[in-house]
Structure formats: structure tokens, C-alpha cells
């Protein structure tokens, strides 16, 4: 089973940094058709704006839309 989307906010956006050990796993999910998005404000705060693809940066409104329409949410 694969998730519909992986949504990252707060310090979680650091996982999308190409230097992160998890970035390759997130790239594999993306290539498998899973939406992988990061909160734009969080990306700016952590100085990752130039390291993350623009199409993967979104806002909290869009993230909330994903969460409210989801059948199931898994969070830490």
C-alpha cells in the first residue's frame, strides 16, 4: 500500500533537503505517484527554498485540504 500524499511541515521539511538521508526515499515515493509537499513558510524559515523543487512547495491551506479530505491520516 502506498499513501496518497506525504505532507511535511515544521522541522519535517528538513527531510526534503537533498543532504538528508531520507530525501532518496521521498524521491522514490514521488516517482511512484505519491504527492510529496512541504509547507512553504517552513521551507523559508529553515533556509531550504533553493534546495527543494518549487513544485513540491505548497501552503498550509493546501495541506489542510489534503488532511480534511483524507480517509485516514498517519502522523508521528
C-alpha atoms as a PDB file:
ATOM      1  CA  UNK A   1       0.000   0.000   0.000  1.00  0.00           C
ATOM      2  CA  UNK A   2       1.212   3.475  -0.766  1.00  0.00           C
ATOM      3  CA  UNK A   3      -0.082   6.749   0.643  1.00  0.00           C
ATOM      4  CA  UNK A   4      -1.868   9.350  -1.440  1.00  0.00           C
ATOM      5  CA  UNK A   5       0.384  12.127  -0.146  1.00  0.00           C
ATOM      6  CA  UNK A   6       3.267  12.888   2.204  1.00  0.00           C
ATOM      7  CA  UNK A   7       2.878  16.340   3.726  1.00  0.00           C
ATOM      8  CA  UNK A   8       5.771  17.894   5.612  1.00  0.00           C
ATOM      9  CA  UNK A   9       5.613  20.879   7.950  1.00  0.00           C
ATOM     10  CA  UNK A  10       7.709  22.431  10.704  1.00  0.00           C
ATOM     11  CA  UNK A  11      11.058  20.636  11.109  1.00  0.00           C
ATOM     12  CA  UNK A  12       9.794  17.837   8.858  1.00  0.00           C
ATOM     13  CA  UNK A  13      10.620  19.941   5.804  1.00  0.00           C
ATOM     14  CA  UNK A  14      14.301  19.335   6.535  1.00  0.00           C
ATOM     15  CA  UNK A  15      13.729  15.745   5.359  1.00  0.00           C
ATOM     16  CA  UNK A  16      13.408  17.106   1.809  1.00  0.00           C
ATOM     17  CA  UNK A  17      16.891  18.625   1.909  1.00  0.00           C
ATOM     18  CA  UNK A  18      18.992  16.776  -0.707  1.00  0.00           C
ATOM     19  CA  UNK A  19      21.638  16.247   2.005  1.00  0.00           C
ATOM     20  CA  UNK A  20      19.108  14.347   4.137  1.00  0.00           C
ATOM     21  CA  UNK A  21      19.361  10.569   4.241  1.00  0.00           C
ATOM     22  CA  UNK A  22      15.580  10.403   3.742  1.00  0.00           C
ATOM     23  CA  UNK A  23      15.446  12.529   0.586  1.00  0.00           C
ATOM     24  CA  UNK A  24      16.058   9.496  -1.664  1.00  0.00           C
ATOM     25  CA  UNK A  25      13.139   7.645  -0.085  1.00  0.00           C
ATOM     26  CA  UNK A  26      10.875  10.669  -0.591  1.00  0.00           C
ATOM     27  CA  UNK A  27      12.038  10.861  -4.234  1.00  0.00           C
ATOM     28  CA  UNK A  28      11.095   7.195  -4.708  1.00  0.00           C
ATOM     29  CA  UNK A  29       7.625   7.887  -3.320  1.00  0.00           C
ATOM     30  CA  UNK A  30       7.286  10.840  -5.696  1.00  0.00           C
ATOM     31  CA  UNK A  31       8.293   8.689  -8.686  1.00  0.00           C
ATOM     32  CA  UNK A  32       5.722   6.104  -7.574  1.00  0.00           C
ATOM     33  CA  UNK A  33       2.956   8.709  -7.904  1.00  0.00           C
ATOM     34  CA  UNK A  34       2.715   9.862  -4.288  1.00  0.00           C
ATOM     35  CA  UNK A  35       2.326  13.623  -3.793  1.00  0.00           C
ATOM     36  CA  UNK A  36       5.177  14.933  -1.617  1.00  0.00           C
ATOM     37  CA  UNK A  37       4.726  18.506  -0.413  1.00  0.00           C
ATOM     38  CA  UNK A  38       6.399  20.815   2.075  1.00  0.00           C
ATOM     39  CA  UNK A  39       4.989  23.889   3.801  1.00  0.00           C
ATOM     40  CA  UNK A  40       6.431  26.958   2.035  1.00  0.00           C
ATOM     41  CA  UNK A  41       6.719  29.084   5.177  1.00  0.00           C
ATOM     42  CA  UNK A  42       8.611  26.313   6.941  1.00  0.00           C
ATOM     43  CA  UNK A  43      10.887  25.846   3.925  1.00  0.00           C
ATOM     44  CA  UNK A  44      11.740  29.553   4.017  1.00  0.00           C
ATOM     45  CA  UNK A  45      12.308  29.509   7.777  1.00  0.00           C
ATOM     46  CA  UNK A  46      14.846  26.681   7.535  1.00  0.00           C
ATOM     47  CA  UNK A  47      16.594  28.219   4.502  1.00  0.00           C
ATOM     48  CA  UNK A  48      15.735  25.394   2.114  1.00  0.00           C
ATOM     49  CA  UNK A  49      13.944  27.394  -0.573  1.00  0.00           C
ATOM     50  CA  UNK A  50      16.764  26.958  -3.104  1.00  0.00           C
ATOM     51  CA  UNK A  51      17.221  23.251  -2.337  1.00  0.00           C
ATOM     52  CA  UNK A  52      13.648  21.999  -2.756  1.00  0.00           C
ATOM     53  CA  UNK A  53      11.838  21.837  -6.098  1.00  0.00           C
ATOM     54  CA  UNK A  54       9.280  24.635  -6.433  1.00  0.00           C
ATOM     55  CA  UNK A  55       6.526  22.230  -7.458  1.00  0.00           C
ATOM     56  CA  UNK A  56       6.895  20.475  -4.099  1.00  0.00           C
ATOM     57  CA  UNK A  57       6.384  23.641  -2.050  1.00  0.00           C
ATOM     58  CA  UNK A  58       2.829  24.454  -1.044  1.00  0.00           C
ATOM     59  CA  UNK A  59       0.994  26.381   1.637  1.00  0.00           C
ATOM     60  CA  UNK A  60      -0.772  25.342   4.807  1.00  0.00           C
ATOM     61  CA  UNK A  61      -4.177  25.887   3.210  1.00  0.00           C
ATOM     62  CA  UNK A  62      -3.461  23.192   0.606  1.00  0.00           C
ATOM     63  CA  UNK A  63      -2.004  20.902   3.272  1.00  0.00           C
ATOM     64  CA  UNK A  64      -5.183  21.277   5.352  1.00  0.00           C
ATOM     65  CA  UNK A  65      -7.310  20.484   2.282  1.00  0.00           C
ATOM     66  CA  UNK A  66      -5.389  17.211   1.884  1.00  0.00           C
ATOM     67  CA  UNK A  67      -5.858  16.401   5.566  1.00  0.00           C
ATOM     68  CA  UNK A  68      -9.582  17.198   5.637  1.00  0.00           C
ATOM     69  CA  UNK A  69     -10.292  15.118   2.527  1.00  0.00           C
ATOM     70  CA  UNK A  70      -8.220  12.104   3.606  1.00  0.00           C
ATOM     71  CA  UNK A  71      -9.823   8.821   4.635  1.00  0.00           C
ATOM     72  CA  UNK A  72      -7.001   8.107   7.041  1.00  0.00           C
ATOM     73  CA  UNK A  73      -4.156  10.198   8.465  1.00  0.00           C
ATOM     74  CA  UNK A  74      -0.931   8.779   9.856  1.00  0.00           C
ATOM     75  CA  UNK A  75       1.193  11.128  11.909  1.00  0.00           C
ATOM     76  CA  UNK A  76       4.073  10.782  14.366  1.00  0.00           C
END
